[in-house]
Amino acid sequence: MLIVGVTWASAEQRPEDRAPSETIESGRDTCAFYCAACHGRTGKGDGPVASSLKAVPPDLTTLSKRKRGRFPEADVTAFIVGRRPAAHGSGEMPVWGPLFRELNPYDSRIDARLSRLVEYLKSIQVK
């Protein structure tokens, strides 16, 4: 499994350190921190390490389009937390659910963080 680290500037907080009451912007921040290296800042699969991967990262802005206009919320959540790893075609896709839980398995913000990330991905879908 390839895991790509992203370094935050010292003035910025990691997404998991933010208050759970924050809106979809924290989902965008989570995506930038954990997903952008492969999927790109806009989610189109053009991140800085994408060309070095065996499997091309999918365009996350077309998830609804590929499902005939319905955003596959349950599937997206399952992919992120690792309940559907075969869908990625390889083991290169890091699954973040176990990592989030390792931070603090009793932290109620974990589910909120995942939910905000999924809501953000839903918000960037092309029409």
Protein backbone atom coordinates (compact mmCIF):
# COMPACT_ATOMS: atom_id res chain seq x y z
CA MET A 1 0.00 0.00 0.00
CA LEU A 2 1.35 3.41 -0.93
CA ILE A 3 0.66 6.15 1.57
CA VAL A 4 1.54 9.67 0.61
CA GLY A 5 2.25 12.18 3.34
CA VAL A 6 1.36 15.81 3.03
CA THR A 7 3.00 18.39 5.24
CA TRP A 8 0.90 21.21 6.62
CA ALA A 9 2.34 24.64 7.23
CA SER A 10 2.86 25.28 10.93
CA ALA A 11 0.11 27.90 11.03
CA GLU A 12 -2.50 25.42 9.77
CA GLN A 13 -4.31 22.73 11.71
CA ARG A 14 -4.66 19.15 10.60
CA PRO A 15 -8.31 18.44 9.71
CA GLU A 16 -8.70 15.99 12.60
CA ASP A 17 -7.72 18.71 15.07
CA ARG A 18 -10.60 20.94 14.09
CA ALA A 19 -13.89 21.29 15.94
CA PRO A 20 -16.64 18.87 14.84
CA SER A 21 -19.10 21.73 14.28
CA GLU A 22 -17.30 22.99 11.19
CA THR A 23 -19.04 22.84 7.82
CA ILE A 24 -18.16 21.37 4.44
CA GLU A 25 -15.00 23.50 4.37
CA SER A 26 -13.42 21.04 6.78
CA GLY A 27 -14.34 18.28 4.30
CA ARG A 28 -12.41 20.22 1.67
CA ASP A 29 -9.48 20.52 4.07
CA THR A 30 -9.57 16.78 4.81
CA CYS A 31 -9.59 16.08 1.08
CA ALA A 32 -6.64 18.42 0.54
CA PHE A 33 -4.69 16.77 3.36
CA TYR A 34 -5.39 13.11 2.63
CA CYS A 35 -6.54 12.85 -1.00
CA ALA A 36 -5.02 15.64 -3.10
CA ALA A 37 -1.60 14.05 -3.57
CA CYS A 38 -3.23 11.45 -5.81
CA HIS A 39 -6.63 12.86 -6.75
CA GLY A 40 -5.50 16.48 -7.15
CA ARG A 41 -6.68 19.68 -5.46
CA THR A 42 -9.86 19.65 -7.55
CA GLY A 43 -10.44 15.88 -7.31
CA LYS A 44 -9.90 15.18 -11.00
CA GLY A 45 -7.22 12.50 -10.50
CA ASP A 46 -4.33 14.77 -11.44
CA GLY A 47 -2.43 15.01 -8.16
CA PRO A 48 1.34 15.45 -8.10
CA VAL A 49 2.01 11.73 -7.49
CA ALA A 50 -0.70 10.41 -9.84
CA SER A 51 1.72 9.77 -12.68
CA SER A 52 3.90 7.55 -10.49
CA LEU A 53 1.03 5.22 -9.54
CA LYS A 54 0.25 1.94 -11.31
CA ALA A 55 -3.48 2.71 -11.37
CA VAL A 56 -4.70 6.13 -12.45
CA PRO A 57 -6.61 7.80 -9.59
CA PRO A 58 -10.23 8.30 -10.62
CA ASP A 59 -11.83 11.67 -11.18
CA LEU A 60 -13.80 12.20 -7.98
CA THR A 61 -15.92 14.91 -9.59
CA THR A 62 -17.70 12.39 -11.83
CA LEU A 63 -18.87 9.88 -9.22
CA SER A 64 -22.53 10.92 -9.62
CA LYS A 65 -22.27 11.05 -13.40
CA ARG A 66 -21.00 7.47 -13.45
CA LYS A 67 -23.99 6.43 -11.31
CA ARG A 68 -26.57 8.08 -13.59
CA GLY A 69 -26.88 11.23 -11.51
CA ARG A 70 -27.03 9.63 -8.07
CA PHE A 71 -24.16 10.30 -5.70
CA PRO A 72 -23.08 6.90 -4.29
CA GLU A 73 -22.67 8.10 -0.71
CA ALA A 74 -22.57 4.66 0.94
CA ASP A 75 -20.07 3.36 -1.63
CA VAL A 76 -17.82 6.40 -1.25
CA THR A 77 -17.81 6.02 2.53
CA ALA A 78 -17.05 2.30 2.19
CA PHE A 79 -14.11 3.02 -0.14
CA ILE A 80 -12.63 5.60 2.24
CA VAL A 81 -12.80 3.38 5.29
CA GLY A 82 -11.60 0.27 3.47
CA ARG A 83 -14.69 -1.89 3.31
CA ARG A 84 -14.47 -2.07 -0.52
CA PRO A 85 -10.73 -2.05 -1.35
CA ALA A 86 -11.05 -4.19 -4.48
CA ALA A 87 -12.85 -1.35 -6.21
CA HIS A 88 -9.60 0.57 -6.46
CA GLY A 89 -7.98 -2.02 -8.68
CA SER A 90 -4.85 -2.21 -6.55
CA GLY A 91 -3.57 -1.86 -3.02
CA GLU A 92 -2.17 1.58 -3.75
CA MET A 93 -5.27 3.40 -2.51
CA PRO A 94 -4.72 4.14 1.15
CA VAL A 95 -7.86 3.63 3.17
CA TRP A 96 -8.24 6.28 5.81
CA GLY A 97 -10.81 4.77 8.18
CA PRO A 98 -8.24 2.66 10.08
CA LEU A 99 -5.82 5.60 10.21
CA PHE A 100 -8.50 7.93 11.57
CA ARG A 101 -9.44 5.32 14.19
CA GLU A 102 -5.78 4.88 15.20
CA LEU A 103 -5.65 8.58 16.05
CA ASN A 104 -8.21 7.92 18.78
CA PRO A 105 -10.69 5.06 18.36
CA TYR A 106 -13.08 6.66 20.86
CA ASP A 107 -13.13 10.08 19.24
CA SER A 108 -16.67 10.84 18.08
CA ARG A 109 -15.26 13.31 15.57
CA ILE A 110 -14.09 10.45 13.33
CA ASP A 111 -17.53 9.76 11.91
CA ALA A 112 -18.14 13.51 11.58
CA ARG A 113 -14.85 13.91 9.69
CA LEU A 114 -15.75 11.10 7.29
CA SER A 115 -19.22 12.53 6.81
CA ARG A 116 -17.85 16.00 6.02
CA LEU A 117 -15.38 14.51 3.54
CA VAL A 118 -18.17 12.61 1.77
CA GLU A 119 -20.36 15.75 1.78
CA TYR A 120 -17.50 17.71 0.23
CA LEU A 121 -17.04 15.08 -2.48
CA LYS A 122 -20.77 15.26 -3.13
CA SER A 123 -20.50 19.04 -3.48
CA ILE A 124 -17.86 18.88 -6.24
CA GLN A 125 -19.83 16.63 -8.59
CA VAL A 126 -20.16 17.83 -12.18
CA LYS A 127 -23.66 18.17 -13.56
